[in-house]
Amino acid sequence: MEIAFSRLDERVARFTISGVSTSFANMLRRAMVSEVPTLAIEDVRIYDNTSVLFDEMLAHRLGLIPLRTDLDQYRPRSECTCEGEGCPACTAIYTLSVEGPATVYSSDLIPQDPDAAPAEAEIPIIELDTDQKIVLEAHAVVSTGKEHAKWQAVTACGYKNYPIITVDEKCDGCGMCIDECPRDVLEAGQGKVRVNRGRQEFCSLCRLCERACLAGGIGTEPAIHIDADENRFIFVVESDGSMPIREIIERALQYIQKRSDDLVDVMNEITGEGTE
């Protein structure tokens, strides 16, 4: 297995993974979406709410705000020594007190732990009119997207097969396929059509170029062929800001490795291998 990154920053990663099956690629995608733990608001104690929103709707909006998560500091309540009671090791506490007229933003959530502040400061929560007020306390806990979407660490996570584009010698360089391509993947060169290597990964496998080539009357078969590499995939992953995208990928791979090791241990127990 080989991984090559074409983009890797705090929020977005684009990489190519080779030498794996479709099943593994989908397993990696699902792990990044559903198995990477993050903080999210779970319990809200509302002391005063004279806004136009019901308490339940307000709590729901708070739960969807991404929170910066340090998994070396916070752990799931099920693994905490407080046995689910809530302590600084498993619970992040926030307070909010705003009186209108004003727009309430995520930055108005004041965390006890500054390292667990909202990932974005200007997420609008509600607009308060004159004499309207919200006073509350919110508790965030660690869980995964498998439990609820508010714990997903990614806002976008997808992959596609790596495109393979070949141009036959019978290409007459008419350029109809170049005009039809919506991603500017093809270009003219030396009287023929060729692949713009810097944009090959952007091919969407739509095959509009093949249809355009046939429409040009070159014959019963197009001079350009679009195929997909079944063992090579392009991933695009975007973090919601709760943690760096690099950590999300690493923790997803660690999850896959742990589950694989657990499966091997179970199989060894069943077959009797690895025992003395």
C-alpha atoms as a PDB file:
ATOM      1  CA  MET A   1       0.000   0.000   0.000  1.00  0.00           C
ATOM      2  CA  GLU A   2       1.265   3.459  -0.941  1.00  0.00           C
ATOM      3  CA  ILE A   3      -0.127   6.869   0.010  1.00  0.00           C
ATOM      4  CA  ALA A   4       0.817  10.072  -1.816  1.00  0.00           C
ATOM      5  CA  PHE A   5      -0.531  13.465  -0.701  1.00  0.00           C
ATOM      6  CA  SER A   6      -1.174  16.231  -3.209  1.00  0.00           C
ATOM      7  CA  ARG A   7      -2.613  18.502  -0.497  1.00  0.00           C
ATOM      8  CA  LEU A   8      -2.341  18.371   3.279  1.00  0.00           C
ATOM      9  CA  ASP A   9      -3.129  21.330   5.483  1.00  0.00           C
ATOM     10  CA  GLU A  10      -5.006  21.924   8.745  1.00  0.00           C
ATOM     11  CA  ARG A  11      -8.482  21.357   7.305  1.00  0.00           C
ATOM     12  CA  VAL A  12      -8.240  19.595   3.935  1.00  0.00           C
ATOM     13  CA  ALA A  13      -6.367  16.568   2.619  1.00  0.00           C
ATOM     14  CA  ARG A  14      -6.229  15.177  -0.908  1.00  0.00           C
ATOM     15  CA  PHE A  15      -4.273  11.971  -1.377  1.00  0.00           C
ATOM     16  CA  THR A  16      -3.934   8.929  -3.579  1.00  0.00           C
ATOM     17  CA  ILE A  17      -3.818   5.458  -2.070  1.00  0.00           C
ATOM     18  CA  SER A  18      -2.556   2.579  -4.213  1.00  0.00           C
ATOM     19  CA  GLY A  19      -2.405  -1.181  -3.879  1.00  0.00           C
ATOM     20  CA  VAL A  20      -5.671  -1.634  -1.982  1.00  0.00           C
ATOM     21  CA  SER A  21      -9.107  -2.994  -2.775  1.00  0.00           C
ATOM     22  CA  THR A  22     -12.381  -1.108  -2.984  1.00  0.00           C
ATOM     23  CA  SER A  23     -13.371  -2.736   0.311  1.00  0.00           C
ATOM     24  CA  PHE A  24     -10.357  -1.254   2.088  1.00  0.00           C
ATOM     25  CA  ALA A  25     -10.944   2.187   0.562  1.00  0.00           C
ATOM     26  CA  ASN A  26     -14.545   2.154   1.761  1.00  0.00           C
ATOM     27  CA  MET A  27     -13.455   0.902   5.187  1.00  0.00           C
ATOM     28  CA  LEU A  28     -11.056   3.843   5.502  1.00  0.00           C
ATOM     29  CA  ARG A  29     -13.797   6.265   4.484  1.00  0.00           C
ATOM     30  CA  ARG A  30     -16.240   4.812   7.013  1.00  0.00           C
ATOM     31  CA  ALA A  31     -13.610   4.875   9.762  1.00  0.00           C
ATOM     32  CA  MET A  32     -12.910   8.581   9.199  1.00  0.00           C
ATOM     33  CA  VAL A  33     -16.635   9.372   9.211  1.00  0.00           C
ATOM     34  CA  SER A  34     -17.863   7.127  12.021  1.00  0.00           C
ATOM     35  CA  GLU A  35     -15.017   5.978  14.252  1.00  0.00           C
ATOM     36  CA  VAL A  36     -12.897   9.050  15.072  1.00  0.00           C
ATOM     37  CA  PRO A  37     -14.005  10.425  18.497  1.00  0.00           C
ATOM     38  CA  THR A  38     -14.689  14.128  19.000  1.00  0.00           C
ATOM     39  CA  LEU A  39     -16.314  16.420  21.542  1.00  0.00           C
ATOM     40  CA  ALA A  40     -19.904  17.568  21.028  1.00  0.00           C
ATOM     41  CA  ILE A  41     -22.470  19.142  23.329  1.00  0.00           C
ATOM     42  CA  GLU A  42     -24.763  16.466  24.724  1.00  0.00           C
ATOM     43  CA  ASP A  43     -26.407  17.973  27.824  1.00  0.00           C
ATOM     44  CA  VAL A  44     -27.778  21.524  28.079  1.00  0.00           C
ATOM     45  CA  ARG A  45     -29.135  23.122  31.247  1.00  0.00           C
ATOM     46  CA  ILE A  46     -31.250  26.115  30.250  1.00  0.00           C
ATOM     47  CA  TYR A  47     -31.827  28.635  33.033  1.00  0.00           C
ATOM     48  CA  ASP A  48     -33.523  31.317  30.942  1.00  0.00           C
ATOM     49  CA  ASN A  49     -34.782  31.248  27.351  1.00  0.00           C
ATOM     50  CA  THR A  50     -37.150  33.944  26.161  1.00  0.00           C
ATOM     51  CA  SER A  51     -36.099  33.614  22.514  1.00  0.00           C
ATOM     52  CA  VAL A  52     -38.327  32.403  19.672  1.00  0.00           C
ATOM     53  CA  LEU A  53     -36.726  28.928  19.772  1.00  0.00           C
ATOM     54  CA  PHE A  54     -37.960  26.073  21.917  1.00  0.00           C
ATOM     55  CA  ASP A  55     -35.406  24.717  24.384  1.00  0.00           C
ATOM     56  CA  GLU A  56     -35.053  21.502  22.350  1.00  0.00           C
ATOM     57  CA  MET A  57     -34.296  23.372  19.115  1.00  0.00           C
ATOM     58  CA  LEU A  58     -31.735  25.551  20.862  1.00  0.00           C
ATOM     59  CA  ALA A  59     -30.016  22.499  22.364  1.00  0.00           C
ATOM     60  CA  HIS A  60     -29.964  20.815  18.943  1.00  0.00           C
ATOM     61  CA  ARG A  61     -28.209  23.806  17.370  1.00  0.00           C
ATOM     62  CA  LEU A  62     -25.635  23.870  20.140  1.00  0.00           C
ATOM     63  CA  GLY A  63     -24.922  20.172  19.638  1.00  0.00           C
ATOM     64  CA  LEU A  64     -23.981  20.726  15.989  1.00  0.00           C
ATOM     65  CA  ILE A  65     -21.246  23.285  16.754  1.00  0.00           C
ATOM     66  CA  PRO A  66     -17.785  21.687  16.129  1.00  0.00           C
ATOM     67  CA  LEU A  67     -15.560  21.821  19.222  1.00  0.00           C
ATOM     68  CA  ARG A  68     -11.774  21.601  19.295  1.00  0.00           C
ATOM     69  CA  THR A  69     -10.892  18.175  20.650  1.00  0.00           C
ATOM     70  CA  ASP A  70      -7.726  16.975  22.374  1.00  0.00           C
ATOM     71  CA  LEU A  71      -8.146  13.225  22.744  1.00  0.00           C
ATOM     72  CA  ASP A  72      -5.075  13.085  24.980  1.00  0.00           C
ATOM     73  CA  GLN A  73      -7.051  15.118  27.502  1.00  0.00           C
ATOM     74  CA  TYR A  74     -10.623  13.881  27.048  1.00  0.00           C
ATOM     75  CA  ARG A  75     -11.919  10.334  26.979  1.00  0.00           C
ATOM     76  CA  PRO A  76     -15.382   8.773  26.516  1.00  0.00           C
ATOM     77  CA  ARG A  77     -17.465   8.612  29.700  1.00  0.00           C
ATOM     78  CA  SER A  78     -17.659   4.837  29.331  1.00  0.00           C
ATOM     79  CA  GLU A  79     -13.867   4.679  29.809  1.00  0.00           C
ATOM     80  CA  CYS A  80     -13.626   7.306  32.562  1.00  0.00           C
ATOM     81  CA  THR A  81     -13.006   6.536  36.220  1.00  0.00           C
ATOM     82  CA  CYS A  82     -15.960   8.780  37.178  1.00  0.00           C
ATOM     83  CA  GLU A  83     -18.246   6.053  35.765  1.00  0.00           C
ATOM     84  CA  GLY A  84     -20.302   8.477  33.708  1.00  0.00           C
ATOM     85  CA  GLU A  85     -20.882  11.087  36.386  1.00  0.00           C
ATOM     86  CA  GLY A  86     -18.966  13.728  34.452  1.00  0.00           C
ATOM     87  CA  CYS A  87     -15.544  15.058  35.381  1.00  0.00           C
ATOM     88  CA  PRO A  88     -12.846  17.238  33.765  1.00  0.00           C
ATOM     89  CA  ALA A  89     -11.353  14.115  32.145  1.00  0.00           C
ATOM     90  CA  CYS A  90     -14.503  13.308  30.161  1.00  0.00           C
ATOM     91  CA  THR A  91     -16.644  16.452  30.146  1.00  0.00           C
ATOM     92  CA  ALA A  92     -16.073  19.961  28.782  1.00  0.00           C
ATOM     93  CA  ILE A  93     -18.323  22.655  30.280  1.00  0.00           C
ATOM     94  CA  TYR A  94     -19.534  25.841  28.566  1.00  0.00           C
ATOM     95  CA  THR A  95     -21.652  28.781  29.659  1.00  0.00           C
ATOM     96  CA  LEU A  96     -23.664  31.170  27.532  1.00  0.00           C
ATOM     97  CA  SER A  97     -25.414  34.354  28.628  1.00  0.00           C
ATOM     98  CA  VAL A  98     -26.609  36.837  25.996  1.00  0.00           C
ATOM     99  CA  GLU A  99     -29.340  39.471  26.077  1.00  0.00           C
ATOM    100  CA  GLY A 100     -30.875  41.072  22.986  1.00  0.00           C
ATOM    101  CA  PRO A 101     -30.936  42.811  20.717  1.00  0.00           C
ATOM    102  CA  ALA A 102     -28.023  40.732  19.471  1.00  0.00           C
ATOM    103  CA  THR A 103     -27.039  37.777  17.320  1.00  0.00           C
ATOM    104  CA  VAL A 104     -25.756  34.849  19.369  1.00  0.00           C
ATOM    105  CA  TYR A 105     -22.647  33.262  17.851  1.00  0.00           C
ATOM    106  CA  SER A 106     -20.607  30.213  18.745  1.00  0.00           C
ATOM    107  CA  SER A 107     -17.988  32.559  20.209  1.00  0.00           C
ATOM    108  CA  ASP A 108     -20.517  33.398  22.929  1.00  0.00           C
ATOM    109  CA  LEU A 109     -20.062  29.862  24.260  1.00  0.00           C
ATOM    110  CA  ILE A 110     -17.486  30.397  27.000  1.00  0.00           C
ATOM    111  CA  PRO A 111     -15.502  27.197  27.714  1.00  0.00           C
ATOM    112  CA  GLN A 112     -13.929  26.352  31.052  1.00  0.00           C
ATOM    113  CA  ASP A 113     -11.123  24.782  29.034  1.00  0.00           C
ATOM    114  CA  PRO A 114      -9.876  27.231  26.357  1.00  0.00           C
ATOM    115  CA  ASP A 115      -8.427  24.316  24.372  1.00  0.00           C
ATOM    116  CA  ALA A 116     -11.977  22.970  23.878  1.00  0.00           C
ATOM    117  CA  ALA A 117     -13.406  26.185  22.404  1.00  0.00           C
ATOM    118  CA  PRO A 118     -15.696  26.109  19.331  1.00  0.00           C
ATOM    119  CA  ALA A 119     -13.742  25.427  16.142  1.00  0.00           C
ATOM    120  CA  GLU A 120     -15.356  28.422  14.427  1.00  0.00           C
ATOM    121  CA  ALA A 121     -16.142  31.696  16.206  1.00  0.00           C
ATOM    122  CA  GLU A 122     -18.855  33.056  13.907  1.00  0.00           C
ATOM    123  CA  ILE A 123     -21.375  30.233  13.640  1.00  0.00           C
ATOM    124  CA  PRO A 124     -24.770  31.930  14.163  1.00  0.00           C
ATOM    125  CA  ILE A 125     -27.010  30.260  16.728  1.00  0.00           C
ATOM    126  CA  ILE A 126     -29.991  32.615  17.070  1.00  0.00           C
ATOM    127  CA  GLU A 127     -30.940  36.267  16.741  1.00  0.00           C
ATOM    128  CA  LEU A 128     -32.364  37.849  19.882  1.00  0.00           C
ATOM    129  CA  ASP A 129     -34.757  40.779  19.824  1.00  0.00           C
ATOM    130  CA  THR A 130     -35.129  43.432  22.505  1.00  0.00           C
ATOM    131  CA  ASP A 131     -35.736  42.002  26.007  1.00  0.00           C
ATOM    132  CA  GLN A 132     -35.027  38.443  24.799  1.00  0.00           C
ATOM    133  CA  LYS A 133     -32.404  36.512  26.720  1.00  0.00           C
ATOM    134  CA  ILE A 134     -30.624  33.155  26.849  1.00  0.00           C
ATOM    135  CA  VAL A 135     -28.748  31.831  29.872  1.00  0.00           C
ATOM    136  CA  LEU A 136     -27.528  28.237  29.854  1.00  0.00           C
ATOM    137  CA  GLU A 137     -24.798  25.746  30.724  1.00  0.00           C
ATOM    138  CA  ALA A 138     -23.720  23.067  28.247  1.00  0.00           C
ATOM    139  CA  HIS A 139     -21.755  19.868  28.761  1.00  0.00           C
ATOM    140  CA  ALA A 140     -19.808  18.271  25.903  1.00  0.00           C
ATOM    141  CA  VAL A 141     -18.685  14.642  25.881  1.00  0.00           C
ATOM    142  CA  VAL A 142     -16.602  12.438  23.602  1.00  0.00           C
ATOM    143  CA  SER A 143     -18.245   9.990  21.214  1.00  0.00           C
ATOM    144  CA  THR A 144     -18.179   8.995  17.537  1.00  0.00           C
ATOM    145  CA  GLY A 145     -20.196   9.638  14.414  1.00  0.00           C
ATOM    146  CA  LYS A 146     -21.558   6.115  14.672  1.00  0.00           C
ATOM    147  CA  GLU A 147     -23.586   7.353  17.659  1.00  0.00           C
ATOM    148  CA  HIS A 148     -24.726  10.654  16.097  1.00  0.00           C
ATOM    149  CA  ALA A 149     -23.680  12.876  13.190  1.00  0.00           C
ATOM    150  CA  LYS A 150     -22.747  15.719  15.578  1.00  0.00           C
ATOM    151  CA  TRP A 151     -19.677  13.690  16.593  1.00  0.00           C
ATOM    152  CA  GLN A 152     -18.388  13.332  13.026  1.00  0.00           C
ATOM    153  CA  ALA A 153     -14.917  14.823  12.681  1.00  0.00           C
ATOM    154  CA  VAL A 154     -15.300  15.403   8.934  1.00  0.00           C
ATOM    155  CA  THR A 155     -17.682  17.506   6.886  1.00  0.00           C
ATOM    156  CA  ALA A 156     -16.706  15.825   3.619  1.00  0.00           C
ATOM    157  CA  CYS A 157     -15.054  12.470   3.023  1.00  0.00           C
ATOM    158  CA  GLY A 158     -15.132  10.668  -0.292  1.00  0.00           C
ATOM    159  CA  TYR A 159     -13.078   8.770  -2.832  1.00  0.00           C
ATOM    160  CA  LYS A 160     -13.099   7.716  -6.453  1.00  0.00           C
ATOM    161  CA  ASN A 161     -11.112   5.321  -8.583  1.00  0.00           C
ATOM    162  CA  TYR A 162      -8.026   6.785 -10.197  1.00  0.00           C
ATOM    163  CA  PRO A 163      -8.836   7.556 -13.850  1.00  0.00           C
ATOM    164  CA  ILE A 164      -6.879   5.930 -16.669  1.00  0.00           C
ATOM    165  CA  ILE A 165      -7.006   7.870 -19.955  1.00  0.00           C
ATOM    166  CA  THR A 166      -5.577   6.501 -23.173  1.00  0.00           C
ATOM    167  CA  VAL A 167      -5.594   8.023 -26.663  1.00  0.00           C
ATOM    168  CA  ASP A 168      -5.252   5.750 -29.717  1.00  0.00           C
ATOM    169  CA  GLU A 169      -3.026   6.422 -32.695  1.00  0.00           C
ATOM    170  CA  LYS A 170      -6.117   6.891 -34.861  1.00  0.00           C
ATOM    171  CA  CYS A 171      -6.891  10.192 -33.094  1.00  0.00           C
ATOM    172  CA  ASP A 172      -7.092  12.882 -35.782  1.00  0.00           C
ATOM    173  CA  GLY A 173      -6.780  15.787 -33.311  1.00  0.00           C
ATOM    174  CA  CYS A 174     -10.196  17.254 -34.138  1.00  0.00           C
ATOM    175  CA  GLY A 175     -10.441  18.617 -30.572  1.00  0.00           C
ATOM    176  CA  MET A 176     -14.129  17.825 -30.026  1.00  0.00           C
ATOM    177  CA  CYS A 177     -13.292  15.833 -26.908  1.00  0.00           C
ATOM    178  CA  ILE A 178     -11.249  18.769 -25.545  1.00  0.00           C
ATOM    179  CA  ASP A 179     -14.223  21.114 -25.930  1.00  0.00           C
ATOM    180  CA  GLU A 180     -16.553  18.595 -24.277  1.00  0.00           C
ATOM    181  CA  CYS A 181     -14.400  17.848 -21.215  1.00  0.00           C
ATOM    182  CA  PRO A 182     -15.819  19.807 -18.216  1.00  0.00           C
ATOM    183  CA  ARG A 183     -12.605  19.460 -16.169  1.00  0.00           C
ATOM    184  CA  ASP A 184      -9.989  20.602 -18.720  1.00  0.00           C
ATOM    185  CA  VAL A 185      -8.239  17.247 -18.488  1.00  0.00           C
ATOM    186  CA  LEU A 186      -7.398  17.088 -22.210  1.00  0.00           C
ATOM    187  CA  GLU A 187      -5.268  19.354 -24.352  1.00  0.00           C
ATOM    188  CA  ALA A 188      -3.989  19.535 -27.924  1.00  0.00           C
ATOM    189  CA  GLY A 189      -0.402  18.698 -28.764  1.00  0.00           C
ATOM    190  CA  GLN A 190       1.469  17.853 -31.974  1.00  0.00           C
ATOM    191  CA  GLY A 191      -1.688  17.387 -33.995  1.00  0.00           C
ATOM    192  CA  LYS A 192      -3.306  14.993 -31.527  1.00  0.00           C
ATOM    193  CA  VAL A 193      -5.138  15.034 -28.230  1.00  0.00           C
ATOM    194  CA  ARG A 194      -3.151  14.299 -25.095  1.00  0.00           C
ATOM    195  CA  VAL A 195      -3.755  14.184 -21.356  1.00  0.00           C
ATOM    196  CA  ASN A 196      -2.913  17.213 -19.252  1.00  0.00           C
ATOM    197  CA  ARG A 197      -0.951  15.283 -16.615  1.00  0.00           C
ATOM    198  CA  GLY A 198      -1.411  18.001 -14.043  1.00  0.00           C
ATOM    199  CA  ARG A 199      -5.192  17.553 -14.209  1.00  0.00           C
ATOM    200  CA  GLN A 200      -5.629  13.834 -14.798  1.00  0.00           C
ATOM    201  CA  GLU A 201      -6.804  13.285 -11.213  1.00  0.00           C
ATOM    202  CA  PHE A 202      -9.672  15.722 -11.812  1.00  0.00           C
ATOM    203  CA  CYS A 203     -11.268  13.460 -14.428  1.00  0.00           C
ATOM    204  CA  SER A 204     -14.768  12.582 -13.207  1.00  0.00           C
ATOM    205  CA  LEU A 205     -15.056   9.466 -15.406  1.00  0.00           C
ATOM    206  CA  CYS A 206     -18.087  11.017 -17.138  1.00  0.00           C
ATOM    207  CA  ARG A 207     -16.924   9.717 -20.554  1.00  0.00           C
ATOM    208  CA  LEU A 208     -18.310  12.746 -22.385  1.00  0.00           C
ATOM    209  CA  CYS A 209     -15.065  12.821 -24.355  1.00  0.00           C
ATOM    210  CA  GLU A 210     -15.731   9.304 -25.668  1.00  0.00           C
ATOM    211  CA  ARG A 211     -19.197  10.342 -26.881  1.00  0.00           C
ATOM    212  CA  ALA A 212     -17.799  13.478 -28.510  1.00  0.00           C
ATOM    213  CA  CYS A 213     -15.180  11.401 -30.300  1.00  0.00           C
ATOM    214  CA  LEU A 214     -17.833   9.047 -31.690  1.00  0.00           C
ATOM    215  CA  ALA A 215     -19.961  12.022 -32.735  1.00  0.00           C
ATOM    216  CA  GLY A 216     -17.005  13.238 -34.784  1.00  0.00           C
ATOM    217  CA  GLY A 217     -17.458  10.241 -37.092  1.00  0.00           C
ATOM    218  CA  ILE A 218     -14.084   8.642 -36.438  1.00  0.00           C
ATOM    219  CA  GLY A 219     -15.617   5.157 -36.536  1.00  0.00           C
ATOM    220  CA  THR A 220     -17.537   2.712 -34.392  1.00  0.00           C
ATOM    221  CA  GLU A 221     -15.000   2.946 -31.557  1.00  0.00           C
ATOM    222  CA  PRO A 222     -13.729   6.176 -29.946  1.00  0.00           C
ATOM    223  CA  ALA A 223     -10.064   7.078 -30.190  1.00  0.00           C
ATOM    224  CA  ILE A 224     -10.045   8.020 -26.502  1.00  0.00           C
ATOM    225  CA  HIS A 225     -10.773   5.559 -23.710  1.00  0.00           C
ATOM    226  CA  ILE A 226     -11.620   6.252 -20.065  1.00  0.00           C
ATOM    227  CA  ASP A 227     -11.107   3.476 -17.525  1.00  0.00           C
ATOM    228  CA  ALA A 228     -10.744   3.251 -13.736  1.00  0.00           C
ATOM    229  CA  ASP A 229      -7.874   1.708 -11.804  1.00  0.00           C
ATOM    230  CA  GLU A 230      -9.546  -0.784  -9.464  1.00  0.00           C
ATOM    231  CA  ASN A 231      -6.641  -0.719  -6.983  1.00  0.00           C
ATOM    232  CA  ARG A 232      -5.933   2.999  -6.828  1.00  0.00           C
ATOM    233  CA  PHE A 233      -8.146   5.653  -5.259  1.00  0.00           C
ATOM    234  CA  ILE A 234      -8.235   9.424  -4.836  1.00  0.00           C
ATOM    235  CA  PHE A 235      -9.479  10.644  -1.444  1.00  0.00           C
ATOM    236  CA  VAL A 236     -10.664  14.119  -0.506  1.00  0.00           C
ATOM    237  CA  VAL A 237     -11.239  14.703   3.206  1.00  0.00           C
ATOM    238  CA  GLU A 238     -12.279  17.897   4.989  1.00  0.00           C
ATOM    239  CA  SER A 239     -12.201  18.384   8.766  1.00  0.00           C
ATOM    240  CA  ASP A 240     -14.909  20.279  10.648  1.00  0.00           C
ATOM    241  CA  GLY A 241     -12.156  21.958  12.669  1.00  0.00           C
ATOM    242  CA  SER A 242     -12.437  19.774  15.751  1.00  0.00           C
ATOM    243  CA  MET A 243      -8.978  18.331  15.053  1.00  0.00           C
ATOM    244  CA  PRO A 244      -6.321  18.521  12.307  1.00  0.00           C
ATOM    245  CA  ILE A 245      -7.057  16.446   9.236  1.00  0.00           C
ATOM    246  CA  ARG A 246      -3.772  14.551   9.676  1.00  0.00           C
ATOM    247  CA  GLU A 247      -4.892  13.324  13.101  1.00  0.00           C
ATOM    248  CA  ILE A 248      -8.247  12.220  11.694  1.00  0.00           C
ATOM    249  CA  ILE A 249      -6.546  10.062   9.065  1.00  0.00           C
ATOM    250  CA  GLU A 250      -4.081   8.614  11.577  1.00  0.00           C
ATOM    251  CA  ARG A 251      -6.792   7.734  14.098  1.00  0.00           C
ATOM    252  CA  ALA A 252      -8.916   6.119  11.395  1.00  0.00           C
ATOM    253  CA  LEU A 253      -5.975   3.939  10.347  1.00  0.00           C
ATOM    254  CA  GLN A 254      -5.274   3.081  13.994  1.00  0.00           C
ATOM    255  CA  TYR A 255      -8.903   2.004  14.394  1.00  0.00           C
ATOM    256  CA  ILE A 256      -8.645  -0.257  11.331  1.00  0.00           C
ATOM    257  CA  GLN A 257      -5.420  -1.781  12.645  1.00  0.00           C
ATOM    258  CA  LYS A 258      -6.922  -2.429  16.082  1.00  0.00           C
ATOM    259  CA  ARG A 259     -10.024  -4.068  14.655  1.00  0.00           C
ATOM    260  CA  SER A 260      -7.842  -6.217  12.393  1.00  0.00           C
ATOM    261  CA  ASP A 261      -5.689  -7.288  15.341  1.00  0.00           C
ATOM    262  CA  ASP A 262      -8.819  -8.132  17.336  1.00  0.00           C
ATOM    263  CA  LEU A 263     -10.101 -10.267  14.465  1.00  0.00           C
ATOM    264  CA  VAL A 264      -6.775 -12.105  14.227  1.00  0.00           C
ATOM    265  CA  ASP A 265      -6.884 -12.817  17.973  1.00  0.00           C
ATOM    266  CA  VAL A 266     -10.413 -14.208  17.704  1.00  0.00           C
ATOM    267  CA  MET A 267      -9.489 -16.397  14.748  1.00  0.00           C
ATOM    268  CA  ASN A 268      -6.457 -17.713  16.652  1.00  0.00           C
ATOM    269  CA  GLU A 269      -8.667 -18.586  19.608  1.00  0.00           C
ATOM    270  CA  ILE A 270     -11.085 -20.440  17.345  1.00  0.00           C
ATOM    271  CA  THR A 271      -8.399 -22.426  15.542  1.00  0.00           C
ATOM    272  CA  GLY A 272      -6.254 -22.910  18.629  1.00  0.00           C
ATOM    273  CA  GLU A 273      -3.226 -21.221  17.067  1.00  0.00           C
ATOM    274  CA  GLY A 274      -0.980 -18.979  19.152  1.00  0.00           C
ATOM    275  CA  THR A 275      -1.751 -20.884  22.355  1.00  0.00           C
ATOM    276  CA  GLU A 276       0.647 -22.912  24.387  1.00  0.00           C
END
